[in-house]
Amino acid sequence: METNKKTNENSEQLEAVFKDKTILVVDDVKVNYLLIKAMLMRTGACIVWAEDGFKALDILSSEINVDVVLMDFNMPVMDGLETTIRIKRIKSDLPVLSQSTYTDSPLFDRAHAPFDAYITKPILPKSLIEEISKFVF
């Protein structure tokens, strides 16, 4: 019984952790977006999707107040690096977390990239929530 009570308490805390927060997921693969949305569903966050960098910039220039961006690194049209550079020009204080399988690649230069944090795919729900929590509170 005690284990079940502890699980319920953790579950209740998780359900409100990002209440009133908006997370923009920029990823050209819809399945990746849906997976992240499912991981964050119980947190209370509003999840918005942009399938490329140009759409992300459109969303950020709209009336939607985004609290954090989860940015895929490898995308067609405009990649995550270029998109993040453009985001930082207009909203320098907006946290952008790179989500990629390329974080260990020589092409992924962490020392000079504009990302605020890095999440390596495959993404674990607990790690995702912990990383986002560092930037939205």
N, C-alpha and C. Protein backbone atom coordinates (compact mmCIF):
# COMPACT_ATOMS: atom_id res chain seq x y z
N MET A 1 0.81 -1.20 0.00
CA MET A 1 0.00 0.00 0.00
C MET A 1 0.86 1.26 0.00
N GLU A 2 1.93 1.28 0.78
CA GLU A 2 2.76 2.48 0.88
C GLU A 2 3.41 2.80 -0.47
N THR A 3 3.84 1.81 -1.22
CA THR A 3 4.44 2.03 -2.53
C THR A 3 3.43 2.67 -3.46
N ASN A 4 2.20 2.20 -3.44
CA ASN A 4 1.15 2.76 -4.27
C ASN A 4 0.88 4.21 -3.90
N LYS A 5 0.90 4.54 -2.61
CA LYS A 5 0.68 5.91 -2.16
C LYS A 5 1.79 6.82 -2.67
N LYS A 6 3.03 6.35 -2.60
CA LYS A 6 4.16 7.15 -3.09
C LYS A 6 4.05 7.37 -4.60
N THR A 7 3.66 6.35 -5.35
CA THR A 7 3.48 6.47 -6.79
C THR A 7 2.40 7.49 -7.11
N ASN A 8 1.30 7.46 -6.38
CA ASN A 8 0.22 8.42 -6.60
C ASN A 8 0.67 9.85 -6.31
N GLU A 9 1.46 10.05 -5.24
CA GLU A 9 1.96 11.39 -4.93
C GLU A 9 2.87 11.91 -6.02
N ASN A 10 3.79 11.07 -6.51
CA ASN A 10 4.68 11.47 -7.59
C ASN A 10 3.90 11.77 -8.86
N SER A 11 2.88 10.99 -9.13
CA SER A 11 2.05 11.18 -10.31
C SER A 11 1.29 12.50 -10.23
N GLU A 12 0.77 12.84 -9.05
CA GLU A 12 0.06 14.11 -8.87
C GLU A 12 0.99 15.29 -9.05
N GLN A 13 2.21 15.20 -8.54
CA GLN A 13 3.18 16.28 -8.69
C GLN A 13 3.52 16.47 -10.16
N LEU A 14 3.69 15.40 -10.89
CA LEU A 14 4.04 15.45 -12.30
C LEU A 14 2.95 16.11 -13.12
N GLU A 15 1.72 15.89 -12.74
CA GLU A 15 0.61 16.42 -13.52
C GLU A 15 0.56 17.93 -13.55
N ALA A 16 1.17 18.61 -12.62
CA ALA A 16 1.08 20.07 -12.58
C ALA A 16 2.44 20.75 -12.76
N VAL A 17 3.49 19.99 -13.04
CA VAL A 17 4.82 20.55 -13.02
C VAL A 17 5.03 21.67 -14.05
N PHE A 18 4.41 21.61 -15.21
CA PHE A 18 4.56 22.66 -16.23
C PHE A 18 3.24 23.36 -16.54
N LYS A 19 2.34 23.38 -15.58
CA LYS A 19 1.05 24.04 -15.78
C LYS A 19 1.29 25.49 -16.19
N ASP A 20 0.56 25.96 -17.17
CA ASP A 20 0.66 27.32 -17.70
C ASP A 20 1.96 27.59 -18.45
N LYS A 21 2.68 26.55 -18.84
CA LYS A 21 3.90 26.69 -19.64
C LYS A 21 3.63 26.21 -21.06
N THR A 22 4.30 26.84 -22.02
CA THR A 22 4.17 26.43 -23.41
C THR A 22 5.54 25.97 -23.91
N ILE A 23 5.56 24.78 -24.48
CA ILE A 23 6.78 24.19 -25.00
C ILE A 23 6.62 24.03 -26.51
N LEU A 24 7.55 24.63 -27.24
CA LEU A 24 7.56 24.50 -28.69
C LEU A 24 8.51 23.37 -29.07
N VAL A 25 7.99 22.37 -29.76
CA VAL A 25 8.79 21.25 -30.24
C VAL A 25 9.02 21.47 -31.74
N VAL A 26 10.28 21.61 -32.12
CA VAL A 26 10.63 21.81 -33.52
C VAL A 26 11.30 20.53 -34.00
N ASP A 27 10.60 19.78 -34.82
CA ASP A 27 11.11 18.50 -35.31
C ASP A 27 10.39 18.17 -36.61
N ASP A 28 11.13 17.81 -37.64
CA ASP A 28 10.52 17.50 -38.92
C ASP A 28 9.84 16.14 -38.95
N VAL A 29 10.08 15.31 -37.95
CA VAL A 29 9.48 13.98 -37.90
C VAL A 29 8.31 14.01 -36.91
N LYS A 30 7.10 13.85 -37.45
CA LYS A 30 5.90 13.96 -36.62
C LYS A 30 5.88 12.94 -35.49
N VAL A 31 6.39 11.75 -35.73
CA VAL A 31 6.41 10.72 -34.68
C VAL A 31 7.25 11.19 -33.49
N ASN A 32 8.36 11.87 -33.75
CA ASN A 32 9.18 12.40 -32.66
C ASN A 32 8.41 13.42 -31.84
N TYR A 33 7.68 14.30 -32.53
CA TYR A 33 6.84 15.27 -31.84
C TYR A 33 5.79 14.57 -30.99
N LEU A 34 5.11 13.59 -31.56
CA LEU A 34 4.06 12.88 -30.83
C LEU A 34 4.62 12.15 -29.61
N LEU A 35 5.82 11.62 -29.73
CA LEU A 35 6.47 10.95 -28.61
C LEU A 35 6.77 11.94 -27.48
N ILE A 36 7.31 13.09 -27.83
CA ILE A 36 7.59 14.12 -26.81
C ILE A 36 6.29 14.61 -26.19
N LYS A 37 5.29 14.81 -27.02
CA LYS A 37 3.98 15.25 -26.51
C LYS A 37 3.43 14.23 -25.51
N ALA A 38 3.56 12.94 -25.83
CA ALA A 38 3.08 11.89 -24.92
C ALA A 38 3.87 11.91 -23.61
N MET A 39 5.18 12.14 -23.69
CA MET A 39 6.01 12.19 -22.48
C MET A 39 5.61 13.35 -21.58
N LEU A 40 5.18 14.45 -22.18
CA LEU A 40 4.87 15.66 -21.41
C LEU A 40 3.38 15.84 -21.14
N MET A 41 2.56 14.93 -21.63
CA MET A 41 1.11 15.07 -21.55
C MET A 41 0.61 15.34 -20.13
N ARG A 42 1.14 14.63 -19.16
CA ARG A 42 0.63 14.75 -17.79
C ARG A 42 1.23 15.93 -17.02
N THR A 43 2.14 16.68 -17.64
CA THR A 43 2.78 17.78 -16.94
C THR A 43 1.96 19.06 -16.92
N GLY A 44 0.91 19.11 -17.73
CA GLY A 44 0.07 20.31 -17.80
C GLY A 44 0.56 21.34 -18.80
N ALA A 45 1.64 21.05 -19.51
CA ALA A 45 2.18 22.00 -20.48
C ALA A 45 1.34 22.02 -21.75
N CYS A 46 1.33 23.16 -22.39
CA CYS A 46 0.76 23.28 -23.73
C CYS A 46 1.91 22.97 -24.70
N ILE A 47 1.72 21.98 -25.55
CA ILE A 47 2.76 21.55 -26.48
C ILE A 47 2.39 22.02 -27.88
N VAL A 48 3.31 22.76 -28.51
CA VAL A 48 3.08 23.29 -29.85
C VAL A 48 4.14 22.68 -30.77
N TRP A 49 3.75 22.36 -32.01
CA TRP A 49 4.68 21.71 -32.94
C TRP A 49 4.96 22.59 -34.15
N ALA A 50 6.22 22.64 -34.52
CA ALA A 50 6.65 23.24 -35.79
C ALA A 50 7.49 22.19 -36.50
N GLU A 51 7.14 21.90 -37.76
CA GLU A 51 7.88 20.84 -38.46
C GLU A 51 9.12 21.34 -39.18
N ASP A 52 9.40 22.64 -39.10
CA ASP A 52 10.67 23.14 -39.63
C ASP A 52 11.00 24.48 -38.96
N GLY A 53 12.20 24.97 -39.24
CA GLY A 53 12.67 26.19 -38.61
C GLY A 53 11.85 27.42 -38.96
N PHE A 54 11.41 27.51 -40.21
CA PHE A 54 10.61 28.67 -40.61
C PHE A 54 9.28 28.72 -39.87
N LYS A 55 8.65 27.57 -39.70
CA LYS A 55 7.39 27.53 -38.95
C LYS A 55 7.63 27.87 -37.48
N ALA A 56 8.77 27.45 -36.94
CA ALA A 56 9.10 27.79 -35.55
C ALA A 56 9.22 29.30 -35.39
N LEU A 57 9.90 29.94 -36.33
CA LEU A 57 10.04 31.40 -36.28
C LEU A 57 8.69 32.09 -36.42
N ASP A 58 7.82 31.56 -37.26
CA ASP A 58 6.46 32.11 -37.38
C ASP A 58 5.71 32.01 -36.05
N ILE A 59 5.80 30.87 -35.40
CA ILE A 59 5.12 30.68 -34.12
C ILE A 59 5.66 31.66 -33.08
N LEU A 60 6.98 31.82 -33.05
CA LEU A 60 7.59 32.71 -32.06
C LEU A 60 7.27 34.18 -32.32
N SER A 61 6.92 34.52 -33.55
CA SER A 61 6.55 35.91 -33.84
C SER A 61 5.03 36.12 -33.73
N SER A 62 4.31 35.07 -33.35
CA SER A 62 2.86 35.16 -33.18
C SER A 62 2.52 35.57 -31.74
N GLU A 63 1.28 35.44 -31.41
CA GLU A 63 0.79 35.79 -30.08
C GLU A 63 1.07 34.69 -29.04
N ILE A 64 1.59 33.56 -29.47
CA ILE A 64 1.86 32.45 -28.55
C ILE A 64 3.11 32.77 -27.73
N ASN A 65 2.98 32.70 -26.41
CA ASN A 65 4.10 32.95 -25.51
C ASN A 65 4.78 31.62 -25.18
N VAL A 66 5.92 31.38 -25.80
CA VAL A 66 6.65 30.13 -25.63
C VAL A 66 7.63 30.27 -24.48
N ASP A 67 7.67 29.26 -23.60
CA ASP A 67 8.56 29.28 -22.44
C ASP A 67 9.88 28.55 -22.69
N VAL A 68 9.86 27.54 -23.55
CA VAL A 68 11.07 26.77 -23.86
C VAL A 68 10.88 26.10 -25.22
N VAL A 69 12.00 25.93 -25.94
CA VAL A 69 11.98 25.29 -27.25
C VAL A 69 12.79 24.01 -27.20
N LEU A 70 12.22 22.93 -27.71
CA LEU A 70 12.95 21.67 -27.90
C LEU A 70 13.25 21.59 -29.39
N MET A 71 14.53 21.70 -29.74
CA MET A 71 14.95 21.86 -31.12
C MET A 71 15.66 20.62 -31.65
N ASP A 72 15.12 20.04 -32.71
CA ASP A 72 15.82 18.96 -33.39
C ASP A 72 17.02 19.58 -34.12
N PHE A 73 18.14 18.89 -34.13
CA PHE A 73 19.35 19.42 -34.74
C PHE A 73 19.36 19.20 -36.25
N ASN A 74 18.97 18.03 -36.69
CA ASN A 74 19.07 17.66 -38.10
C ASN A 74 17.69 17.73 -38.76
N MET A 75 17.45 18.83 -39.49
CA MET A 75 16.17 19.01 -40.17
C MET A 75 16.42 19.57 -41.57
N PRO A 76 15.55 19.22 -42.52
CA PRO A 76 15.64 19.85 -43.83
C PRO A 76 15.10 21.28 -43.78
N VAL A 77 15.20 21.98 -44.83
CA VAL A 77 14.73 23.36 -44.99
C VAL A 77 15.64 24.32 -44.20
N MET A 78 15.58 24.27 -42.88
CA MET A 78 16.48 25.05 -42.02
C MET A 78 16.80 24.17 -40.82
N ASP A 79 18.08 23.88 -40.63
CA ASP A 79 18.44 22.96 -39.54
C ASP A 79 18.29 23.62 -38.17
N GLY A 80 18.46 22.82 -37.13
CA GLY A 80 18.28 23.29 -35.76
C GLY A 80 19.27 24.35 -35.35
N LEU A 81 20.49 24.26 -35.85
CA LEU A 81 21.51 25.25 -35.52
C LEU A 81 21.14 26.62 -36.07
N GLU A 82 20.83 26.69 -37.35
CA GLU A 82 20.45 27.96 -37.97
C GLU A 82 19.16 28.52 -37.35
N THR A 83 18.21 27.66 -37.09
CA THR A 83 16.96 28.09 -36.47
C THR A 83 17.23 28.70 -35.09
N THR A 84 18.08 28.05 -34.31
CA THR A 84 18.39 28.54 -32.97
C THR A 84 19.13 29.87 -33.03
N ILE A 85 20.05 30.01 -33.96
CA ILE A 85 20.75 31.28 -34.13
C ILE A 85 19.75 32.40 -34.40
N ARG A 86 18.79 32.14 -35.27
CA ARG A 86 17.77 33.16 -35.59
C ARG A 86 16.85 33.44 -34.40
N ILE A 87 16.51 32.39 -33.65
CA ILE A 87 15.67 32.58 -32.46
C ILE A 87 16.40 33.47 -31.45
N LYS A 88 17.66 33.19 -31.23
CA LYS A 88 18.44 33.94 -30.23
C LYS A 88 18.62 35.40 -30.64
N ARG A 89 18.58 35.70 -31.94
CA ARG A 89 18.65 37.10 -32.40
C ARG A 89 17.40 37.89 -32.00
N ILE A 90 16.25 37.21 -31.98
CA ILE A 90 15.01 37.93 -31.67
C ILE A 90 14.54 37.72 -30.23
N LYS A 91 14.91 36.59 -29.63
CA LYS A 91 14.52 36.29 -28.24
C LYS A 91 15.71 35.64 -27.54
N SER A 92 16.69 36.43 -27.20
CA SER A 92 17.95 35.89 -26.66
C SER A 92 17.78 35.14 -25.33
N ASP A 93 16.75 35.49 -24.58
CA ASP A 93 16.55 34.85 -23.28
C ASP A 93 15.67 33.59 -23.34
N LEU A 94 15.16 33.24 -24.52
CA LEU A 94 14.32 32.05 -24.66
C LEU A 94 15.20 30.80 -24.65
N PRO A 95 14.99 29.90 -23.69
CA PRO A 95 15.81 28.68 -23.64
C PRO A 95 15.52 27.76 -24.83
N VAL A 96 16.58 27.31 -25.48
CA VAL A 96 16.48 26.37 -26.59
C VAL A 96 17.30 25.14 -26.24
N LEU A 97 16.63 24.01 -26.14
CA LEU A 97 17.28 22.75 -25.80
C LEU A 97 17.38 21.90 -27.05
N SER A 98 18.59 21.55 -27.43
CA SER A 98 18.78 20.72 -28.61
C SER A 98 18.43 19.28 -28.27
N GLN A 99 17.68 18.65 -29.15
CA GLN A 99 17.38 17.22 -29.01
C GLN A 99 17.87 16.55 -30.28
N SER A 100 18.84 15.67 -30.11
CA SER A 100 19.48 15.11 -31.29
C SER A 100 20.17 13.79 -31.00
N THR A 101 20.35 13.02 -32.06
CA THR A 101 21.18 11.83 -31.98
C THR A 101 22.62 12.18 -32.31
N TYR A 102 22.86 13.41 -32.72
CA TYR A 102 24.18 13.84 -33.20
C TYR A 102 25.02 14.54 -32.14
N THR A 103 24.65 14.52 -30.88
CA THR A 103 25.37 15.29 -29.87
C THR A 103 26.81 14.83 -29.65
N ASP A 104 27.16 13.62 -30.06
CA ASP A 104 28.53 13.14 -29.94
C ASP A 104 29.31 13.25 -31.25
N SER A 105 28.68 13.73 -32.29
CA SER A 105 29.31 13.85 -33.60
C SER A 105 30.23 15.07 -33.64
N PRO A 106 31.32 14.99 -34.41
CA PRO A 106 32.20 16.16 -34.58
C PRO A 106 31.47 17.33 -35.25
N LEU A 107 30.41 17.05 -35.99
CA LEU A 107 29.63 18.12 -36.62
C LEU A 107 28.85 18.94 -35.60
N PHE A 108 28.64 18.36 -34.44
CA PHE A 108 27.86 19.00 -33.38
C PHE A 108 28.84 19.67 -32.42
N ASP A 109 29.14 20.92 -32.64
CA ASP A 109 30.15 21.65 -31.88
C ASP A 109 29.51 22.32 -30.67
N ARG A 110 29.50 21.64 -29.55
CA ARG A 110 28.87 22.16 -28.33
C ARG A 110 29.50 23.47 -27.86
N ALA A 111 30.78 23.62 -28.04
CA ALA A 111 31.48 24.81 -27.54
C ALA A 111 31.01 26.08 -28.23
N HIS A 112 30.55 25.97 -29.47
CA HIS A 112 30.15 27.17 -30.21
C HIS A 112 28.68 27.20 -30.60
N ALA A 113 27.94 26.20 -30.22
CA ALA A 113 26.52 26.15 -30.54
C ALA A 113 25.72 27.03 -29.58
N PRO A 114 24.64 27.61 -30.05
CA PRO A 114 23.85 28.53 -29.22
C PRO A 114 22.82 27.87 -28.31
N PHE A 115 22.84 26.55 -28.21
CA PHE A 115 21.83 25.86 -27.42
C PHE A 115 22.10 26.04 -25.92
N ASP A 116 21.03 26.09 -25.15
CA ASP A 116 21.15 26.22 -23.69
C ASP A 116 21.38 24.89 -23.01
N ALA A 117 20.99 23.80 -23.66
CA ALA A 117 21.18 22.46 -23.11
C ALA A 117 21.04 21.45 -24.25
N TYR A 118 21.43 20.21 -23.95
CA TYR A 118 21.42 19.15 -24.94
C TYR A 118 20.74 17.92 -24.37
N ILE A 119 19.85 17.34 -25.18
CA ILE A 119 19.18 16.09 -24.81
C ILE A 119 19.45 15.11 -25.94
N THR A 120 20.08 14.00 -25.60
CA THR A 120 20.42 13.01 -26.62
C THR A 120 19.27 12.05 -26.84
N LYS A 121 18.93 11.82 -28.11
CA LYS A 121 17.91 10.83 -28.47
C LYS A 121 18.52 9.46 -28.39
N PRO A 122 17.81 8.44 -27.99
CA PRO A 122 16.40 8.47 -27.59
C PRO A 122 16.23 9.17 -26.24
N ILE A 123 15.18 9.92 -26.16
CA ILE A 123 14.92 10.74 -24.98
C ILE A 123 14.12 9.95 -23.95
N LEU A 124 14.58 10.00 -22.71
CA LEU A 124 13.86 9.38 -21.61
C LEU A 124 12.96 10.42 -20.96
N PRO A 125 11.72 10.07 -20.62
CA PRO A 125 10.79 11.05 -20.05
C PRO A 125 11.33 11.78 -18.83
N LYS A 126 11.93 11.06 -17.90
CA LYS A 126 12.44 11.68 -16.69
C LYS A 126 13.54 12.70 -17.02
N SER A 127 14.45 12.35 -17.91
CA SER A 127 15.52 13.27 -18.31
C SER A 127 14.96 14.51 -19.00
N LEU A 128 13.96 14.31 -19.83
CA LEU A 128 13.34 15.43 -20.54
C LEU A 128 12.72 16.41 -19.56
N ILE A 129 11.96 15.90 -18.62
CA ILE A 129 11.31 16.75 -17.63
C ILE A 129 12.33 17.46 -16.75
N GLU A 130 13.39 16.75 -16.36
CA GLU A 130 14.44 17.38 -15.54
C GLU A 130 15.13 18.51 -16.29
N GLU A 131 15.44 18.31 -17.57
CA GLU A 131 16.12 19.35 -18.35
C GLU A 131 15.22 20.57 -18.53
N ILE A 132 13.97 20.34 -18.88
CA ILE A 132 13.04 21.46 -19.07
C ILE A 132 12.86 22.22 -17.76
N SER A 133 12.78 21.49 -16.64
CA SER A 133 12.59 22.13 -15.33
C SER A 133 13.70 23.12 -15.00
N LYS A 134 14.90 22.89 -15.48
CA LYS A 134 16.02 23.80 -15.23
C LYS A 134 15.79 25.19 -15.84
N PHE A 135 14.90 25.27 -16.82
CA PHE A 135 14.73 26.51 -17.57
C PHE A 135 13.38 27.19 -17.41
N VAL A 136 12.39 26.50 -16.90
CA VAL A 136 11.05 27.11 -16.83
C VAL A 136 10.66 27.59 -15.45
N PHE A 137 11.55 27.42 -14.48
CA PHE A 137 11.23 27.90 -13.13
C PHE A 137 12.21 28.94 -12.68
